[in-house]
Structures are given as structure tokens and as C-alpha cells.
């Protein structure tokens, strides 16, 4: 049985601020305070928004865990 979970849609021309290799810090959610490297830009469910398909990054954290995180939950690592 199919259950529609979300009405959240982004424009087709969405621009990602970060790209592969960029260093980022997680600023909110389950992984707040962790740092890592962007591996890919994706449009899918994330750790903190499991019911919504949103613009996200796959991030390889410094502890070697790979997560999917919403684009609004990361900032450039300074």
C-alpha cells in the first residue's frame, strides 16, 4: 500500500551551496557539532526529516559515518 508522506517540493533549479570535497559543520539536529566532508548532493530523505524528500548532502563525518543531512543544517567549516 502506498502512503503519500509529504507535500514538500523544491523548485527544479535548486542550487546547492556546497559540493563534493567541501568541509562542513552540522549546525542542528541529531548530528549537531559534528564535522565532515560533502560527498554528494542528493534529493532524498534525511536523518532528521525521514518523511520528506528534500535537498540534502551526503556527508562523510570525521568519525567515518556517512549521513544524509538537509542543506539547511550545514555551514562551511572555518
PDB file of N, CA and C in Angstrom:
ATOM      1  N   UNK A   1       0.839  -1.180   0.000  1.00  0.00           N
ATOM      2  CA  UNK A   1       0.000   0.000   0.000  1.00  0.00           C
ATOM      3  C   UNK A   1       0.883   1.243   0.000  1.00  0.00           C
ATOM      4  N   UNK A   2       0.579   2.186  -0.852  1.00  0.00           N
ATOM      5  CA  UNK A   2       1.358   3.417  -0.976  1.00  0.00           C
ATOM      6  C   UNK A   2       0.795   4.486  -0.051  1.00  0.00           C
ATOM      7  N   UNK A   3       1.665   5.105   0.734  1.00  0.00           N
ATOM      8  CA  UNK A   3       1.273   6.211   1.611  1.00  0.00           C
ATOM      9  C   UNK A   3       2.052   7.450   1.196  1.00  0.00           C
ATOM     10  N   UNK A   4       1.344   8.470   0.743  1.00  0.00           N
ATOM     11  CA  UNK A   4       1.999   9.724   0.393  1.00  0.00           C
ATOM     12  C   UNK A   4       2.393  10.428   1.676  1.00  0.00           C
ATOM     13  N   UNK A   5       3.666  10.800   1.821  1.00  0.00           N
ATOM     14  CA  UNK A   5       4.170  11.303   3.089  1.00  0.00           C
ATOM     15  C   UNK A   5       4.352  12.811   3.163  1.00  0.00           C
ATOM     16  N   UNK A   6       4.487  13.470   2.049  1.00  0.00           N
ATOM     17  CA  UNK A   6       4.841  14.883   2.126  1.00  0.00           C
ATOM     18  C   UNK A   6       4.340  15.652   0.910  1.00  0.00           C
ATOM     19  N   UNK A   7       4.124  16.933   1.126  1.00  0.00           N
ATOM     20  CA  UNK A   7       3.805  17.816   0.009  1.00  0.00           C
ATOM     21  C   UNK A   7       4.938  18.808  -0.212  1.00  0.00           C
ATOM     22  N   UNK A   8       6.093  18.565   0.433  1.00  0.00           N
ATOM     23  CA  UNK A   8       7.233  19.462   0.322  1.00  0.00           C
ATOM     24  C   UNK A   8       7.916  19.279  -1.021  1.00  0.00           C
ATOM     25  N   UNK A   9       7.936  20.328  -1.828  1.00  0.00           N
ATOM     26  CA  UNK A   9       8.599  20.284  -3.127  1.00  0.00           C
ATOM     27  C   UNK A   9       9.521  21.481  -3.265  1.00  0.00           C
ATOM     28  N   UNK A  10      10.645  21.278  -3.891  1.00  0.00           N
ATOM     29  CA  UNK A  10      11.585  22.356  -4.157  1.00  0.00           C
ATOM     30  C   UNK A  10      11.559  22.655  -5.653  1.00  0.00           C
ATOM     31  N   UNK A  11      11.904  23.872  -6.033  1.00  0.00           N
ATOM     32  CA  UNK A  11      11.980  24.183  -7.459  1.00  0.00           C
ATOM     33  C   UNK A  11      13.019  23.301  -8.148  1.00  0.00           C
ATOM     34  N   UNK A  12      12.808  23.001  -9.411  1.00  0.00           N
ATOM     35  CA  UNK A  12      13.724  22.138 -10.144  1.00  0.00           C
ATOM     36  C   UNK A  12      15.125  22.740 -10.210  1.00  0.00           C
ATOM     37  N   UNK A  13      15.237  24.031 -10.255  1.00  0.00           N
ATOM     38  CA  UNK A  13      16.529  24.689 -10.366  1.00  0.00           C
ATOM     39  C   UNK A  13      17.216  24.939  -9.040  1.00  0.00           C
ATOM     40  N   UNK A  14      16.995  24.116  -8.035  1.00  0.00           N
ATOM     41  CA  UNK A  14      17.590  24.332  -6.716  1.00  0.00           C
ATOM     42  C   UNK A  14      19.112  24.366  -6.807  1.00  0.00           C
ATOM     43  N   UNK A  15      19.746  25.334  -6.118  1.00  0.00           N
ATOM     44  CA  UNK A  15      21.203  25.474  -6.127  1.00  0.00           C
ATOM     45  C   UNK A  15      21.771  25.027  -4.784  1.00  0.00           C
ATOM     46  N   UNK A  16      22.681  24.077  -4.816  1.00  0.00           N
ATOM     47  CA  UNK A  16      23.360  23.606  -3.608  1.00  0.00           C
ATOM     48  C   UNK A  16      24.552  24.514  -3.321  1.00  0.00           C
ATOM     49  N   UNK A  17      24.696  24.953  -2.070  1.00  0.00           N
ATOM     50  CA  UNK A  17      25.815  25.827  -1.692  1.00  0.00           C
ATOM     51  C   UNK A  17      27.144  25.090  -1.668  1.00  0.00           C
ATOM     52  N   UNK A  18      27.111  23.805  -1.334  1.00  0.00           N
ATOM     53  CA  UNK A  18      28.342  23.033  -1.180  1.00  0.00           C
ATOM     54  C   UNK A  18      28.409  21.926  -2.221  1.00  0.00           C
ATOM     55  N   UNK A  19      29.634  21.524  -2.541  1.00  0.00           N
ATOM     56  CA  UNK A  19      29.815  20.440  -3.495  1.00  0.00           C
ATOM     57  C   UNK A  19      30.848  19.454  -2.945  1.00  0.00           C
ATOM     58  N   UNK A  20      31.057  18.377  -3.684  1.00  0.00           N
ATOM     59  CA  UNK A  20      31.938  17.307  -3.229  1.00  0.00           C
ATOM     60  C   UNK A  20      33.302  17.851  -2.809  1.00  0.00           C
ATOM     61  N   UNK A  21      33.734  17.433  -1.615  1.00  0.00           N
ATOM     62  CA  UNK A  21      35.028  17.843  -1.091  1.00  0.00           C
ATOM     63  C   UNK A  21      34.974  19.019  -0.142  1.00  0.00           C
ATOM     64  N   UNK A  22      33.868  19.750  -0.105  1.00  0.00           N
ATOM     65  CA  UNK A  22      33.749  20.890   0.809  1.00  0.00           C
ATOM     66  C   UNK A  22      33.637  20.401   2.247  1.00  0.00           C
ATOM     67  N   UNK A  23      34.343  21.087   3.141  1.00  0.00           N
ATOM     68  CA  UNK A  23      34.293  20.763   4.569  1.00  0.00           C
ATOM     69  C   UNK A  23      33.135  21.530   5.204  1.00  0.00           C
ATOM     70  N   UNK A  24      32.319  20.835   6.014  1.00  0.00           N
ATOM     71  CA  UNK A  24      31.146  21.444   6.633  1.00  0.00           C
ATOM     72  C   UNK A  24      31.030  21.050   8.099  1.00  0.00           C
ATOM     73  N   UNK A  25      30.253  21.862   8.822  1.00  0.00           N
ATOM     74  CA  UNK A  25      29.886  21.561  10.206  1.00  0.00           C
ATOM     75  C   UNK A  25      28.375  21.444  10.262  1.00  0.00           C
ATOM     76  N   UNK A  26      27.886  20.443  10.987  1.00  0.00           N
ATOM     77  CA  UNK A  26      26.452  20.256  11.177  1.00  0.00           C
ATOM     78  C   UNK A  26      26.017  21.222  12.273  1.00  0.00           C
ATOM     79  N   UNK A  27      24.996  22.051  11.990  1.00  0.00           N
ATOM     80  CA  UNK A  27      24.611  23.102  12.937  1.00  0.00           C
ATOM     81  C   UNK A  27      23.306  22.823  13.665  1.00  0.00           C
ATOM     82  N   UNK A  28      22.600  21.744  13.296  1.00  0.00           N
ATOM     83  CA  UNK A  28      21.363  21.411  14.005  1.00  0.00           C
ATOM     84  C   UNK A  28      21.032  19.938  13.805  1.00  0.00           C
ATOM     85  N   UNK A  29      20.140  19.444  14.655  1.00  0.00           N
ATOM     86  CA  UNK A  29      19.679  18.068  14.525  1.00  0.00           C
ATOM     87  C   UNK A  29      20.512  17.067  15.304  1.00  0.00           C
ATOM     88  N   UNK A  30      20.321  15.800  14.978  1.00  0.00           N
ATOM     89  CA  UNK A  30      20.954  14.683  15.685  1.00  0.00           C
ATOM     90  C   UNK A  30      22.479  14.746  15.671  1.00  0.00           C
ATOM     91  N   UNK A  31      23.045  15.320  14.622  1.00  0.00           N
ATOM     92  CA  UNK A  31      24.496  15.315  14.454  1.00  0.00           C
ATOM     93  C   UNK A  31      25.120  16.695  14.664  1.00  0.00           C
ATOM     94  N   UNK A  32      24.405  17.585  15.364  1.00  0.00           N
ATOM     95  CA  UNK A  32      24.893  18.943  15.623  1.00  0.00           C
ATOM     96  C   UNK A  32      26.291  18.900  16.241  1.00  0.00           C
ATOM     97  N   UNK A  33      27.170  19.742  15.703  1.00  0.00           N
ATOM     98  CA  UNK A  33      28.530  19.831  16.215  1.00  0.00           C
ATOM     99  C   UNK A  33      29.530  18.943  15.498  1.00  0.00           C
ATOM    100  N   UNK A  34      29.064  17.948  14.759  1.00  0.00           N
ATOM    101  CA  UNK A  34      29.965  17.083  14.003  1.00  0.00           C
ATOM    102  C   UNK A  34      30.480  17.823  12.768  1.00  0.00           C
ATOM    103  N   UNK A  35      31.653  17.428  12.318  1.00  0.00           N
ATOM    104  CA  UNK A  35      32.227  17.982  11.100  1.00  0.00           C
ATOM    105  C   UNK A  35      32.490  16.862  10.107  1.00  0.00           C
ATOM    106  N   UNK A  36      32.544  17.232   8.833  1.00  0.00           N
ATOM    107  CA  UNK A  36      32.789  16.226   7.811  1.00  0.00           C
ATOM    108  C   UNK A  36      32.976  16.839   6.440  1.00  0.00           C
ATOM    109  N   UNK A  37      32.955  15.969   5.429  1.00  0.00           N
ATOM    110  CA  UNK A  37      33.199  16.355   4.047  1.00  0.00           C
ATOM    111  C   UNK A  37      32.013  15.969   3.176  1.00  0.00           C
ATOM    112  N   UNK A  38      31.528  16.910   2.376  1.00  0.00           N
ATOM    113  CA  UNK A  38      30.419  16.629   1.462  1.00  0.00           C
ATOM    114  C   UNK A  38      30.889  15.623   0.415  1.00  0.00           C
ATOM    115  N   UNK A  39      30.090  14.567   0.221  1.00  0.00           N
ATOM    116  CA  UNK A  39      30.394  13.562  -0.794  1.00  0.00           C
ATOM    117  C   UNK A  39      29.510  13.733  -2.023  1.00  0.00           C
ATOM    118  N   UNK A  40      28.228  14.097  -1.806  1.00  0.00           N
ATOM    119  CA  UNK A  40      27.300  14.218  -2.933  1.00  0.00           C
ATOM    120  C   UNK A  40      26.126  15.107  -2.562  1.00  0.00           C
ATOM    121  N   UNK A  41      25.520  15.708  -3.572  1.00  0.00           N
ATOM    122  CA  UNK A  41      24.268  16.444  -3.413  1.00  0.00           C
ATOM    123  C   UNK A  41      23.146  15.540  -3.889  1.00  0.00           C
ATOM    124  N   UNK A  42      22.112  15.404  -3.063  1.00  0.00           N
ATOM    125  CA  UNK A  42      21.017  14.479  -3.367  1.00  0.00           C
ATOM    126  C   UNK A  42      19.681  15.125  -3.037  1.00  0.00           C
ATOM    127  N   UNK A  43      18.615  14.535  -3.523  1.00  0.00           N
ATOM    128  CA  UNK A  43      17.256  14.963  -3.197  1.00  0.00           C
ATOM    129  C   UNK A  43      16.559  13.738  -2.629  1.00  0.00           C
ATOM    130  N   UNK A  44      16.568  13.616  -1.293  1.00  0.00           N
ATOM    131  CA  UNK A  44      16.009  12.427  -0.658  1.00  0.00           C
ATOM    132  C   UNK A  44      15.705  12.687   0.805  1.00  0.00           C
ATOM    133  N   UNK A  45      15.300  11.648   1.511  1.00  0.00           N
ATOM    134  CA  UNK A  45      15.027  11.750   2.947  1.00  0.00           C
ATOM    135  C   UNK A  45      16.337  11.917   3.697  1.00  0.00           C
ATOM    136  N   UNK A  46      16.251  12.540   4.889  1.00  0.00           N
ATOM    137  CA  UNK A  46      17.458  12.755   5.682  1.00  0.00           C
ATOM    138  C   UNK A  46      17.274  12.208   7.088  1.00  0.00           C
ATOM    139  N   UNK A  47      18.365  12.244   7.857  1.00  0.00           N
ATOM    140  CA  UNK A  47      18.351  11.725   9.222  1.00  0.00           C
ATOM    141  C   UNK A  47      17.296  12.415  10.086  1.00  0.00           C
ATOM    142  N   UNK A  48      17.151  13.725   9.931  1.00  0.00           N
ATOM    143  CA  UNK A  48      16.224  14.478  10.774  1.00  0.00           C
ATOM    144  C   UNK A  48      14.852  14.708  10.148  1.00  0.00           C
ATOM    145  N   UNK A  49      14.704  14.409   8.872  1.00  0.00           N
ATOM    146  CA  UNK A  49      13.423  14.571   8.170  1.00  0.00           C
ATOM    147  C   UNK A  49      13.120  13.308   7.357  1.00  0.00           C
ATOM    148  N   UNK A  50      12.879  12.180   8.041  1.00  0.00           N
ATOM    149  CA  UNK A  50      12.738  10.894   7.348  1.00  0.00           C
ATOM    150  C   UNK A  50      11.487  10.748   6.492  1.00  0.00           C
ATOM    151  N   UNK A  51      10.514  11.628   6.629  1.00  0.00           N
ATOM    152  CA  UNK A  51       9.282  11.510   5.842  1.00  0.00           C
ATOM    153  C   UNK A  51       9.253  12.423   4.622  1.00  0.00           C
ATOM    154  N   UNK A  52      10.229  13.313   4.510  1.00  0.00           N
ATOM    155  CA  UNK A  52      10.219  14.309   3.436  1.00  0.00           C
ATOM    156  C   UNK A  52      11.407  14.138   2.496  1.00  0.00           C
ATOM    157  N   UNK A  53      11.166  14.252   1.217  1.00  0.00           N
ATOM    158  CA  UNK A  53      12.240  14.300   0.228  1.00  0.00           C
ATOM    159  C   UNK A  53      12.643  15.763   0.067  1.00  0.00           C
ATOM    160  N   UNK A  54      13.891  16.070   0.420  1.00  0.00           N
ATOM    161  CA  UNK A  54      14.389  17.444   0.434  1.00  0.00           C
ATOM    162  C   UNK A  54      15.788  17.504  -0.163  1.00  0.00           C
ATOM    163  N   UNK A  55      16.256  18.698  -0.549  1.00  0.00           N
ATOM    164  CA  UNK A  55      17.649  18.831  -0.977  1.00  0.00           C
ATOM    165  C   UNK A  55      18.568  18.524   0.211  1.00  0.00           C
ATOM    166  N   UNK A  56      19.482  17.614   0.007  1.00  0.00           N
ATOM    167  CA  UNK A  56      20.366  17.156   1.081  1.00  0.00           C
ATOM    168  C   UNK A  56      21.783  16.963   0.555  1.00  0.00           C
ATOM    169  N   UNK A  57      22.683  16.736   1.492  1.00  0.00           N
ATOM    170  CA  UNK A  57      24.058  16.355   1.180  1.00  0.00           C
ATOM    171  C   UNK A  57      24.317  14.990   1.802  1.00  0.00           C
ATOM    172  N   UNK A  58      25.087  14.153   1.121  1.00  0.00           N
ATOM    173  CA  UNK A  58      25.699  13.003   1.770  1.00  0.00           C
ATOM    174  C   UNK A  58      27.005  13.536   2.334  1.00  0.00           C
ATOM    175  N   UNK A  59      27.185  13.384   3.642  1.00  0.00           N
ATOM    176  CA  UNK A  59      28.380  13.898   4.302  1.00  0.00           C
ATOM    177  C   UNK A  59      29.107  12.751   4.985  1.00  0.00           C
ATOM    178  N   UNK A  60      30.408  12.627   4.726  1.00  0.00           N
ATOM    179  CA  UNK A  60      31.258  11.676   5.430  1.00  0.00           C
ATOM    180  C   UNK A  60      31.789  12.395   6.657  1.00  0.00           C
ATOM    181  N   UNK A  61      31.269  12.014   7.821  1.00  0.00           N
ATOM    182  CA  UNK A  61      31.704  12.653   9.059  1.00  0.00           C
ATOM    183  C   UNK A  61      33.129  12.234   9.386  1.00  0.00           C
ATOM    184  N   UNK A  62      33.793  13.030  10.208  1.00  0.00           N
ATOM    185  CA  UNK A  62      35.173  12.732  10.585  1.00  0.00           C
ATOM    186  C   UNK A  62      35.293  11.426  11.366  1.00  0.00           C
ATOM    187  N   UNK A  63      34.175  10.942  11.940  1.00  0.00           N
ATOM    188  CA  UNK A  63      34.194   9.653  12.644  1.00  0.00           C
ATOM    189  C   UNK A  63      33.895   8.497  11.686  1.00  0.00           C
ATOM    190  N   UNK A  64      33.889   8.765  10.369  1.00  0.00           N
ATOM    191  CA  UNK A  64      33.717   7.792   9.277  1.00  0.00           C
ATOM    192  C   UNK A  64      32.287   7.327   9.072  1.00  0.00           C
ATOM    193  N   UNK A  65      31.321   7.943   9.713  1.00  0.00           N
ATOM    194  CA  UNK A  65      29.910   7.652   9.480  1.00  0.00           C
ATOM    195  C   UNK A  65      29.435   8.507   8.307  1.00  0.00           C
ATOM    196  N   UNK A  66      28.666   7.917   7.394  1.00  0.00           N
ATOM    197  CA  UNK A  66      28.093   8.670   6.278  1.00  0.00           C
ATOM    198  C   UNK A  66      26.637   8.972   6.599  1.00  0.00           C
ATOM    199  N   UNK A  67      26.247  10.248   6.504  1.00  0.00           N
ATOM    200  CA  UNK A  67      24.871  10.644   6.804  1.00  0.00           C
ATOM    201  C   UNK A  67      24.281  11.421   5.630  1.00  0.00           C
ATOM    202  N   UNK A  68      22.965  11.464   5.598  1.00  0.00           N
ATOM    203  CA  UNK A  68      22.237  12.324   4.668  1.00  0.00           C
ATOM    204  C   UNK A  68      21.660  13.451   5.498  1.00  0.00           C
ATOM    205  N   UNK A  69      22.038  14.684   5.187  1.00  0.00           N
ATOM    206  CA  UNK A  69      21.666  15.834   6.010  1.00  0.00           C
ATOM    207  C   UNK A  69      21.075  16.936   5.131  1.00  0.00           C
ATOM    208  N   UNK A  70      20.029  17.572   5.637  1.00  0.00           N
ATOM    209  CA  UNK A  70      19.360  18.653   4.916  1.00  0.00           C
ATOM    210  C   UNK A  70      20.330  19.804   4.665  1.00  0.00           C
ATOM    211  N   UNK A  71      20.204  20.454   3.513  1.00  0.00           N
ATOM    212  CA  UNK A  71      21.115  21.549   3.156  1.00  0.00           C
ATOM    213  C   UNK A  71      21.067  22.708   4.149  1.00  0.00           C
ATOM    214  N   UNK A  72      19.961  22.875   4.848  1.00  0.00           N
ATOM    215  CA  UNK A  72      19.828  23.969   5.814  1.00  0.00           C
ATOM    216  C   UNK A  72      20.457  23.643   7.163  1.00  0.00           C
ATOM    217  N   UNK A  73      21.020  22.460   7.306  1.00  0.00           N
ATOM    218  CA  UNK A  73      21.603  22.046   8.574  1.00  0.00           C
ATOM    219  C   UNK A  73      23.126  22.047   8.555  1.00  0.00           C
ATOM    220  N   UNK A  74      23.735  22.631   7.524  1.00  0.00           N
ATOM    221  CA  UNK A  74      25.194  22.659   7.443  1.00  0.00           C
ATOM    222  C   UNK A  74      25.699  24.070   7.159  1.00  0.00           C
ATOM    223  N   UNK A  75      26.906  24.333   7.654  1.00  0.00           N
ATOM    224  CA  UNK A  75      27.610  25.586   7.368  1.00  0.00           C
ATOM    225  C   UNK A  75      29.038  25.241   6.990  1.00  0.00           C
ATOM    226  N   UNK A  76      29.687  26.154   6.301  1.00  0.00           N
ATOM    227  CA  UNK A  76      31.087  25.952   5.935  1.00  0.00           C
ATOM    228  C   UNK A  76      31.938  25.853   7.194  1.00  0.00           C
ATOM    229  N   UNK A  77      32.853  24.921   7.195  1.00  0.00           N
ATOM    230  CA  UNK A  77      33.777  24.762   8.316  1.00  0.00           C
ATOM    231  C   UNK A  77      34.877  25.800   8.159  1.00  0.00           C
ATOM    232  N   UNK A  78      35.076  26.593   9.197  1.00  0.00           N
ATOM    233  CA  UNK A  78      36.085  27.658   9.118  1.00  0.00           C
ATOM    234  C   UNK A  78      37.320  27.313   9.891  1.00  0.00           C
TER     235      UNK A  78
END
